[in-house]
Amino acid sequence: MSATPIIGFDAKRIVRNGTGLGSYGRTLVSDLSAYPLSLRLYAPDEGCAEFRSQVLGPSNVSLLTPRSSIMPGAFWRSYGIVRDLQRDGVQLYHGLSGELPIGIKRSGIKTVVTIHDLIFLRHPEFYHPIDVKLYTWKFRQTLKEADHIIAISECTKRDILYYGGQAISPDKISLIYQAHASRFHNQVSADAIAQVRRQYGLTMPFILSVGSIEARKNIRLAVRALAHLPSAIHLVAVGKSTAYSKQVEQEAIKSGLGHRVHFLHGVPDEQLNILYHEAEAFVYPSFYEGFGIPIIEAIRCGLPVVACTGSCLEEAGGPDSLYVSPDDTEGMAHAIRQSLKGAADRQERIRRSLDYIRRFDGNDVAGQVYALYQQLIAGI
């Protein structure tokens, strides 16, 4: 690529979502800013100042919102944006959250879309039926519009091929794992640790879980496992409050475990960093995931991981994390016991897991994406 290529991104999640798709987009854009590219983030609005600040520092990254206030943001993102992309000279557009604008293929702009998961097809019982129909329609449309697809795990790639059928060729899909954000690498001070313990009323020792507290994430399994663990062990679950989290909290109280279960919502990154470093083990009992970035964050902070079988979590955690069935309460408890301080081989498993996750380092992921951009723009 001779002149600096102009790359457009669907930035709705970048400026609005604190975790998940938002973290994926911010980490990727931040890493890509080191390359000779002009990166333009297209979002329905300016979103959250904190999230914007994480990506808008470099001079080659800019944020653009709808030029017309008449067109609703959702409609602009699906239809009107194509005209803006053409006007701005965008050569390639990257849909970061499984969607592409309708009609972009006809515009001549090259397209890449990252598909994180197809859980709405694999496990529709976790979604409203109307949402399943809408997401399925968007998936079918995206397959028609995309020049190339990035799958964030081998599991997701298999699902795309299975549910896409003849509409998608394996040659159009690249497996590029998610980069893990570096924000949880920093060491923490004793004063900051003491302040977090006081603020949240935490009792040591505790195991940690991070992610939206919803039925699919299956935190109930970790709560029930507490009954089979020493009474000193607590569980800290960090994530958005939901009706499901309230149900699990009430179940814990009825089971006499309420004082050992701590649901924390709206925890800022600097405090989450402390929780990662203070926990004894990390649990991720989800029924199904597209990847599982919190697992990598936990390993990076020196934690042993216990997760569930059935999706892609083995890809994220590697062979030295422990895995159990998402319905196996006693198996979960046993795996947690093997991960507490003093357990045999705990430190060696942590060391090998740290070696394993080096494959997910951010610059390598950005390098793979950059190479893909080069190929598509050059028409290779």
Protein backbone atom coordinates (compact mmCIF):
# COMPACT_ATOMS: atom_id res chain seq x y z
CA MET A 1 0.00 0.00 0.00
CA SER A 2 1.64 3.23 -1.12
CA ALA A 3 -0.46 6.18 0.11
CA THR A 4 -1.76 5.96 3.67
CA PRO A 5 -4.89 3.79 3.46
CA ILE A 6 -8.08 5.11 5.04
CA ILE A 7 -9.77 2.49 7.19
CA GLY A 8 -13.27 2.97 8.61
CA PHE A 9 -14.59 1.18 11.68
CA ASP A 10 -18.02 0.56 13.17
CA ALA A 11 -17.27 2.33 16.45
CA LYS A 12 -20.64 2.15 18.22
CA ARG A 13 -19.34 -0.36 20.77
CA ILE A 14 -15.97 1.39 21.07
CA VAL A 15 -17.58 4.55 22.49
CA ARG A 16 -20.44 2.90 24.40
CA ASN A 17 -19.43 -0.51 25.79
CA GLY A 18 -17.15 -0.80 28.80
CA THR A 19 -16.28 -4.47 28.27
CA GLY A 20 -16.69 -7.20 25.64
CA LEU A 21 -17.12 -5.77 22.15
CA GLY A 22 -16.04 -2.34 23.35
CA SER A 23 -12.77 -3.64 24.76
CA TYR A 24 -12.11 -5.63 21.59
CA GLY A 25 -12.54 -2.57 19.39
CA ARG A 26 -10.52 -0.19 21.57
CA THR A 27 -7.63 -2.63 21.95
CA LEU A 28 -7.49 -3.39 18.22
CA VAL A 29 -7.69 0.28 17.15
CA SER A 30 -5.05 1.29 19.71
CA ASP A 31 -2.68 -1.40 18.43
CA LEU A 32 -3.39 -0.55 14.77
CA SER A 33 -2.59 3.11 15.40
CA ALA A 34 1.11 2.14 15.36
CA TYR A 35 0.79 1.21 11.67
CA PRO A 36 0.77 3.57 8.63
CA LEU A 37 -3.02 3.82 8.47
CA SER A 38 -5.62 6.57 8.79
CA LEU A 39 -8.19 5.14 11.22
CA ARG A 40 -11.66 6.68 11.21
CA LEU A 41 -14.17 5.63 13.85
CA TYR A 42 -17.82 5.96 12.80
CA ALA A 43 -20.31 6.03 15.68
CA PRO A 44 -23.97 7.13 16.02
CA ASP A 45 -22.87 9.57 18.78
CA GLU A 46 -19.78 10.52 20.78
CA GLY A 47 -20.58 8.00 23.52
CA CYS A 48 -18.57 7.95 26.75
CA ALA A 49 -15.63 10.33 27.22
CA GLU A 50 -13.64 7.70 29.13
CA PHE A 51 -13.91 5.19 26.27
CA ARG A 52 -13.11 7.82 23.62
CA SER A 53 -9.98 8.86 25.47
CA GLN A 54 -8.61 5.31 25.28
CA VAL A 55 -8.37 5.45 21.47
CA LEU A 56 -8.26 9.10 20.32
CA GLY A 57 -4.73 9.98 21.46
CA PRO A 58 -2.78 9.11 18.27
CA SER A 59 -2.95 11.66 15.44
CA ASN A 60 -4.03 9.04 12.89
CA VAL A 61 -7.24 8.14 14.80
CA SER A 62 -10.40 10.27 14.51
CA LEU A 63 -14.05 9.94 15.51
CA LEU A 64 -16.90 10.78 13.12
CA THR A 65 -20.62 10.96 13.88
CA PRO A 66 -23.63 11.40 11.53
CA ARG A 67 -23.45 14.62 9.54
CA SER A 68 -27.24 14.93 9.56
CA SER A 69 -29.29 15.12 12.75
CA ILE A 70 -32.41 14.07 10.84
CA MET A 71 -31.39 10.43 10.33
CA PRO A 72 -31.68 8.27 13.49
CA GLY A 73 -28.37 6.78 14.60
CA ALA A 74 -29.46 3.15 14.16
CA PHE A 75 -30.71 3.80 10.60
CA TRP A 76 -27.53 5.73 9.73
CA ARG A 77 -25.35 2.91 11.03
CA SER A 78 -27.12 0.35 8.82
CA TYR A 79 -27.79 2.44 5.71
CA GLY A 80 -26.78 6.13 5.66
CA ILE A 81 -23.18 5.55 6.69
CA VAL A 82 -22.24 4.18 3.25
CA ARG A 83 -22.60 7.63 1.69
CA ASP A 84 -20.35 9.13 4.39
CA LEU A 85 -17.73 6.43 3.88
CA GLN A 86 -17.64 7.14 0.14
CA ARG A 87 -17.41 10.90 0.74
CA ASP A 88 -14.50 10.40 3.16
CA GLY A 89 -12.54 8.20 0.74
CA VAL A 90 -12.64 5.13 3.00
CA GLN A 91 -10.99 2.22 1.20
CA LEU A 92 -11.87 -0.52 3.68
CA TYR A 93 -14.56 -0.72 6.36
CA HIS A 94 -14.26 -3.04 9.35
CA GLY A 95 -17.43 -4.09 11.15
CA LEU A 96 -16.13 -4.84 14.64
CA SER A 97 -19.28 -6.41 16.09
CA GLY A 98 -20.63 -8.84 13.52
CA GLU A 99 -22.48 -6.31 11.34
CA LEU A 100 -21.96 -4.45 8.08
CA PRO A 101 -24.03 -1.63 6.52
CA ILE A 102 -26.62 -2.70 3.98
CA GLY A 103 -25.46 -2.00 0.42
CA ILE A 104 -21.78 -1.43 1.20
CA LYS A 105 -20.75 -4.19 -1.21
CA ARG A 106 -22.27 -2.21 -4.12
CA SER A 107 -20.27 0.87 -3.10
CA GLY A 108 -16.94 -0.74 -3.99
CA ILE A 109 -15.55 -0.27 -0.47
CA LYS A 110 -13.73 -3.38 0.72
CA THR A 111 -15.16 -4.92 3.88
CA VAL A 112 -14.01 -6.99 6.83
CA VAL A 113 -16.31 -8.09 9.64
CA THR A 114 -15.34 -9.61 12.98
CA ILE A 115 -17.80 -12.23 14.19
CA HIS A 116 -17.34 -12.95 17.88
CA ASP A 117 -19.94 -15.67 18.36
CA LEU A 118 -23.20 -17.11 17.10
CA ILE A 119 -24.59 -17.95 20.52
CA PHE A 120 -28.06 -16.75 19.45
CA LEU A 121 -28.09 -19.67 16.99
CA ARG A 122 -26.25 -22.22 19.12
CA HIS A 123 -28.24 -21.44 22.30
CA PRO A 124 -31.38 -19.48 21.33
CA GLU A 125 -32.92 -20.29 24.73
CA PHE A 126 -30.85 -17.47 26.23
CA TYR A 127 -32.43 -14.83 23.94
CA HIS A 128 -35.85 -13.37 23.23
CA PRO A 129 -37.33 -15.03 20.11
CA ILE A 130 -37.62 -11.67 18.32
CA ASP A 131 -33.95 -10.97 18.98
CA VAL A 132 -32.99 -14.38 17.60
CA LYS A 133 -34.84 -13.57 14.35
CA LEU A 134 -33.25 -10.12 14.10
CA TYR A 135 -29.72 -11.34 14.81
CA THR A 136 -30.14 -14.24 12.37
CA TRP A 137 -31.28 -11.84 9.62
CA LYS A 138 -28.28 -9.57 10.29
CA PHE A 139 -25.94 -12.57 10.15
CA ARG A 140 -27.34 -13.63 6.75
CA GLN A 141 -27.01 -10.06 5.42
CA THR A 142 -23.47 -9.75 6.69
CA LEU A 143 -22.44 -12.92 4.86
CA LYS A 144 -23.71 -11.29 1.63
CA GLU A 145 -21.91 -7.98 2.22
CA ALA A 146 -18.53 -9.18 3.59
CA ASP A 147 -15.40 -9.55 1.49
CA HIS A 148 -13.73 -11.27 4.41
CA ILE A 149 -14.60 -12.47 7.92
CA ILE A 150 -12.46 -12.57 11.04
CA ALA A 151 -13.44 -15.29 13.53
CA ILE A 152 -12.03 -14.74 17.02
CA SER A 153 -11.78 -18.45 17.82
CA GLU A 154 -11.74 -21.82 16.11
CA CYS A 155 -15.09 -22.48 17.78
CA THR A 156 -16.63 -19.37 16.20
CA LYS A 157 -15.17 -20.28 12.80
CA ARG A 158 -16.81 -23.71 13.00
CA ASP A 159 -20.14 -22.09 13.90
CA ILE A 160 -19.93 -19.63 10.98
CA LEU A 161 -19.33 -22.46 8.53
CA TYR A 162 -22.04 -24.62 10.09
CA TYR A 163 -24.77 -21.97 10.20
CA GLY A 164 -23.62 -20.13 7.07
CA GLY A 165 -23.77 -23.26 4.93
CA GLN A 166 -23.20 -22.69 1.23
CA ALA A 167 -23.37 -18.91 1.72
CA ILE A 168 -19.79 -18.82 3.00
CA SER A 169 -16.51 -20.33 1.82
CA PRO A 170 -13.82 -21.34 4.35
CA ASP A 171 -11.35 -19.27 2.29
CA LYS A 172 -13.22 -16.10 3.29
CA ILE A 173 -12.65 -16.67 7.02
CA SER A 174 -9.45 -15.90 8.93
CA LEU A 175 -8.94 -17.05 12.50
CA ILE A 176 -7.42 -14.11 14.39
CA TYR A 177 -7.62 -14.35 18.15
CA GLN A 178 -8.55 -11.38 20.30
CA ALA A 179 -5.80 -9.26 21.79
CA HIS A 180 -5.90 -8.88 25.55
CA ALA A 181 -5.82 -5.33 26.88
CA SER A 182 -2.74 -4.35 28.89
CA ARG A 183 -4.67 -2.34 31.48
CA PHE A 184 -4.47 -5.10 34.11
CA HIS A 185 -0.69 -5.59 34.04
CA ASN A 186 0.21 -2.86 36.52
CA GLN A 187 1.25 -3.64 40.08
CA VAL A 188 -0.96 -2.23 42.83
CA SER A 189 -0.09 -0.45 46.08
CA ALA A 190 -0.94 -1.65 49.58
CA ASP A 191 -2.98 1.52 50.21
CA ALA A 192 -5.07 0.96 47.07
CA ILE A 193 -5.68 -2.67 48.06
CA ALA A 194 -6.82 -1.67 51.55
CA GLN A 195 -9.16 0.98 50.13
CA VAL A 196 -10.83 -1.52 47.77
CA ARG A 197 -11.25 -4.07 50.55
CA ARG A 198 -12.95 -1.46 52.74
CA GLN A 199 -15.14 -0.09 49.96
CA TYR A 200 -16.55 -3.46 48.96
CA GLY A 201 -16.38 -5.18 52.35
CA LEU A 202 -14.28 -8.00 50.97
CA THR A 203 -13.13 -10.92 53.06
CA MET A 204 -10.02 -12.85 52.12
CA PRO A 205 -9.47 -15.31 50.52
CA PHE A 206 -11.79 -15.06 47.50
CA ILE A 207 -12.21 -16.44 44.01
CA LEU A 208 -13.10 -14.00 41.23
CA SER A 209 -15.43 -14.03 38.22
CA VAL A 210 -15.75 -11.19 35.70
CA GLY A 211 -18.41 -10.77 33.02
CA SER A 212 -22.07 -9.91 32.52
CA ILE A 213 -24.05 -11.67 35.22
CA GLU A 214 -26.64 -13.38 33.04
CA ALA A 215 -28.00 -16.90 32.70
CA ARG A 216 -25.61 -17.89 29.91
CA LYS A 217 -22.62 -16.95 32.07
CA ASN A 218 -23.79 -19.52 34.65
CA ILE A 219 -22.38 -17.89 37.81
CA ARG A 220 -24.92 -20.00 39.73
CA LEU A 221 -22.56 -22.98 39.29
CA ALA A 222 -19.74 -21.17 41.12
CA VAL A 223 -22.12 -20.09 43.89
CA ARG A 224 -23.34 -23.64 44.43
CA ALA A 225 -19.75 -24.90 44.45
CA LEU A 226 -19.08 -22.75 47.52
CA ALA A 227 -21.10 -25.22 49.62
CA HIS A 228 -18.39 -27.82 48.89
CA LEU A 229 -15.47 -25.50 49.68
CA PRO A 230 -13.91 -24.38 52.98
CA SER A 231 -16.11 -21.82 54.73
CA ALA A 232 -13.34 -19.20 54.54
CA ILE A 233 -13.57 -19.04 50.73
CA HIS A 234 -15.69 -16.23 49.27
CA LEU A 235 -16.82 -15.52 45.70
CA VAL A 236 -16.60 -12.07 44.10
CA ALA A 237 -18.57 -11.69 40.85
CA VAL A 238 -18.02 -8.46 38.90
CA GLY A 239 -20.50 -7.51 36.19
CA LYS A 240 -23.68 -5.73 35.22
CA SER A 241 -26.62 -6.21 37.57
CA THR A 242 -29.44 -8.25 36.01
CA ALA A 243 -32.60 -10.04 37.06
CA TYR A 244 -30.56 -13.25 36.93
CA SER A 245 -27.95 -11.90 39.37
CA LYS A 246 -30.71 -11.01 41.82
CA GLN A 247 -32.14 -14.54 41.53
CA VAL A 248 -28.74 -16.11 42.21
CA GLU A 249 -28.16 -13.75 45.12
CA GLN A 250 -31.47 -14.78 46.70
CA GLU A 251 -30.64 -18.45 46.16
CA ALA A 252 -27.29 -17.93 47.91
CA ILE A 253 -29.01 -16.31 50.89
CA LYS A 254 -31.52 -19.16 51.19
CA SER A 255 -28.67 -21.68 51.06
CA GLY A 256 -26.81 -19.93 53.86
CA LEU A 257 -24.10 -18.72 51.47
CA GLY A 258 -25.21 -15.10 51.14
CA HIS A 259 -22.39 -13.71 53.30
CA ARG A 260 -19.82 -15.45 51.09
CA VAL A 261 -21.10 -14.14 47.74
CA HIS A 262 -20.34 -10.56 46.65
CA PHE A 263 -21.89 -9.14 43.47
CA LEU A 264 -20.06 -5.96 42.43
CA HIS A 265 -21.38 -3.68 39.70
CA GLY A 266 -19.78 -0.72 37.94
CA VAL A 267 -16.24 -1.49 39.14
CA PRO A 268 -13.72 0.87 37.43
CA ASP A 269 -10.67 -0.62 35.72
CA GLU A 270 -8.17 0.46 38.38
CA GLN A 271 -10.18 -1.34 41.07
CA LEU A 272 -10.80 -4.37 38.87
CA ASN A 273 -7.04 -4.59 38.43
CA ILE A 274 -6.72 -4.86 42.23
CA LEU A 275 -9.38 -7.58 42.39
CA TYR A 276 -7.52 -9.61 39.77
CA HIS A 277 -4.28 -9.32 41.73
CA GLU A 278 -5.85 -10.10 45.11
CA ALA A 279 -7.94 -13.14 44.10
CA GLU A 280 -6.69 -16.71 44.62
CA ALA A 281 -8.31 -18.14 41.50
CA PHE A 282 -10.52 -17.13 38.59
CA VAL A 283 -13.75 -18.92 37.62
CA TYR A 284 -15.55 -18.62 34.28
CA PRO A 285 -18.42 -21.13 34.32
CA SER A 286 -20.15 -19.96 31.12
CA PHE A 287 -22.27 -22.36 29.08
CA TYR A 288 -21.02 -20.87 25.80
CA GLU A 289 -18.63 -18.12 24.68
CA GLY A 290 -17.10 -16.86 21.47
CA PHE A 291 -13.72 -16.58 23.19
CA GLY A 292 -13.44 -15.45 26.83
CA ILE A 293 -11.04 -12.53 27.16
CA PRO A 294 -11.39 -12.32 31.00
CA ILE A 295 -9.61 -15.68 31.17
CA ILE A 296 -6.56 -14.20 29.48
CA GLU A 297 -6.68 -11.12 31.72
CA ALA A 298 -6.80 -13.37 34.79
CA ILE A 299 -3.85 -15.47 33.65
CA ARG A 300 -1.88 -12.33 32.87
CA CYS A 301 -2.44 -11.26 36.49
CA GLY A 302 -1.06 -14.60 37.73
CA LEU A 303 -4.30 -16.44 38.50
CA PRO A 304 -5.11 -20.10 37.88
CA VAL A 305 -8.33 -20.49 35.89
CA VAL A 306 -11.30 -22.81 36.23
CA ALA A 307 -13.72 -22.71 33.28
CA CYS A 308 -16.34 -24.88 31.60
CA THR A 309 -16.28 -27.22 28.63
CA GLY A 310 -18.56 -27.00 25.61
CA SER A 311 -17.40 -23.94 23.69
CA CYS A 312 -14.10 -22.14 23.13
CA LEU A 313 -12.83 -21.58 26.66
CA GLU A 314 -10.11 -24.21 26.28
CA GLU A 315 -8.75 -22.11 23.41
CA ALA A 316 -8.51 -19.06 25.66
CA GLY A 317 -7.17 -20.77 28.78
CA GLY A 318 -4.94 -23.40 27.25
CA PRO A 319 -4.19 -26.93 28.47
CA ASP A 320 -3.06 -25.96 31.97
CA SER A 321 -6.31 -24.32 33.09
CA LEU A 322 -8.95 -26.64 34.56
CA TYR A 323 -12.29 -27.36 32.88
CA VAL A 324 -15.52 -28.95 34.10
CA SER A 325 -19.00 -29.51 32.73
CA PRO A 326 -21.26 -26.43 33.15
CA ASP A 327 -23.66 -28.60 35.21
CA ASP A 328 -21.06 -30.24 37.48
CA THR A 329 -21.18 -28.53 40.88
CA GLU A 330 -18.86 -30.96 42.68
CA GLY A 331 -16.45 -30.94 39.72
CA MET A 332 -16.32 -27.16 39.89
CA ALA A 333 -15.63 -27.26 43.63
CA HIS A 334 -12.87 -29.84 43.15
CA ALA A 335 -11.21 -27.76 40.41
CA ILE A 336 -11.35 -24.63 42.59
CA ARG A 337 -9.71 -26.53 45.47
CA GLN A 338 -6.90 -27.50 43.09
CA SER A 339 -6.45 -23.81 42.25
CA LEU A 340 -6.23 -22.31 45.74
CA LYS A 341 -2.90 -21.25 47.23
CA GLY A 342 -0.89 -24.21 48.46
CA ALA A 343 -2.44 -26.70 46.03
CA ALA A 344 -0.05 -29.06 44.28
CA ASP A 345 1.26 -27.88 40.89
CA ARG A 346 -0.66 -24.58 41.17
CA GLN A 347 2.34 -22.36 40.50
CA GLU A 348 3.61 -24.56 37.67
CA ARG A 349 0.19 -24.45 35.97
CA ILE A 350 0.17 -20.66 36.28
CA ARG A 351 3.65 -20.47 34.71
CA ARG A 352 2.70 -22.69 31.78
CA SER A 353 -0.55 -20.75 31.26
CA LEU A 354 1.42 -17.49 31.09
CA ASP A 355 3.57 -19.05 28.38
CA TYR A 356 0.44 -20.17 26.52
CA ILE A 357 -1.25 -16.74 26.37
CA ARG A 358 1.76 -15.07 24.76
CA ARG A 359 0.15 -16.04 21.45
CA PHE A 360 -2.54 -13.44 22.12
CA ASP A 361 -0.22 -10.44 22.52
CA GLY A 362 -1.83 -7.34 21.01
CA ASN A 363 0.78 -6.32 18.44
CA ASP A 364 0.71 -9.77 16.86
CA VAL A 365 -3.07 -9.58 16.48
CA ALA A 366 -2.87 -6.09 15.00
CA GLY A 367 -0.14 -7.28 12.64
CA GLN A 368 -2.38 -10.06 11.32
CA VAL A 369 -5.27 -7.64 10.82
CA TYR A 370 -2.98 -5.11 9.10
CA ALA A 371 -1.73 -7.81 6.71
CA LEU A 372 -5.35 -8.73 5.91
CA TYR A 373 -6.16 -5.08 5.16
CA GLN A 374 -3.18 -4.93 2.79
CA GLN A 375 -4.32 -8.01 0.90
CA LEU A 376 -7.91 -6.84 0.52
CA ILE A 377 -7.04 -3.31 -0.62
CA ALA A 378 -4.49 -4.67 -3.08
CA GLY A 379 -7.08 -7.16 -4.37
CA ILE A 380 -4.92 -10.17 -3.59
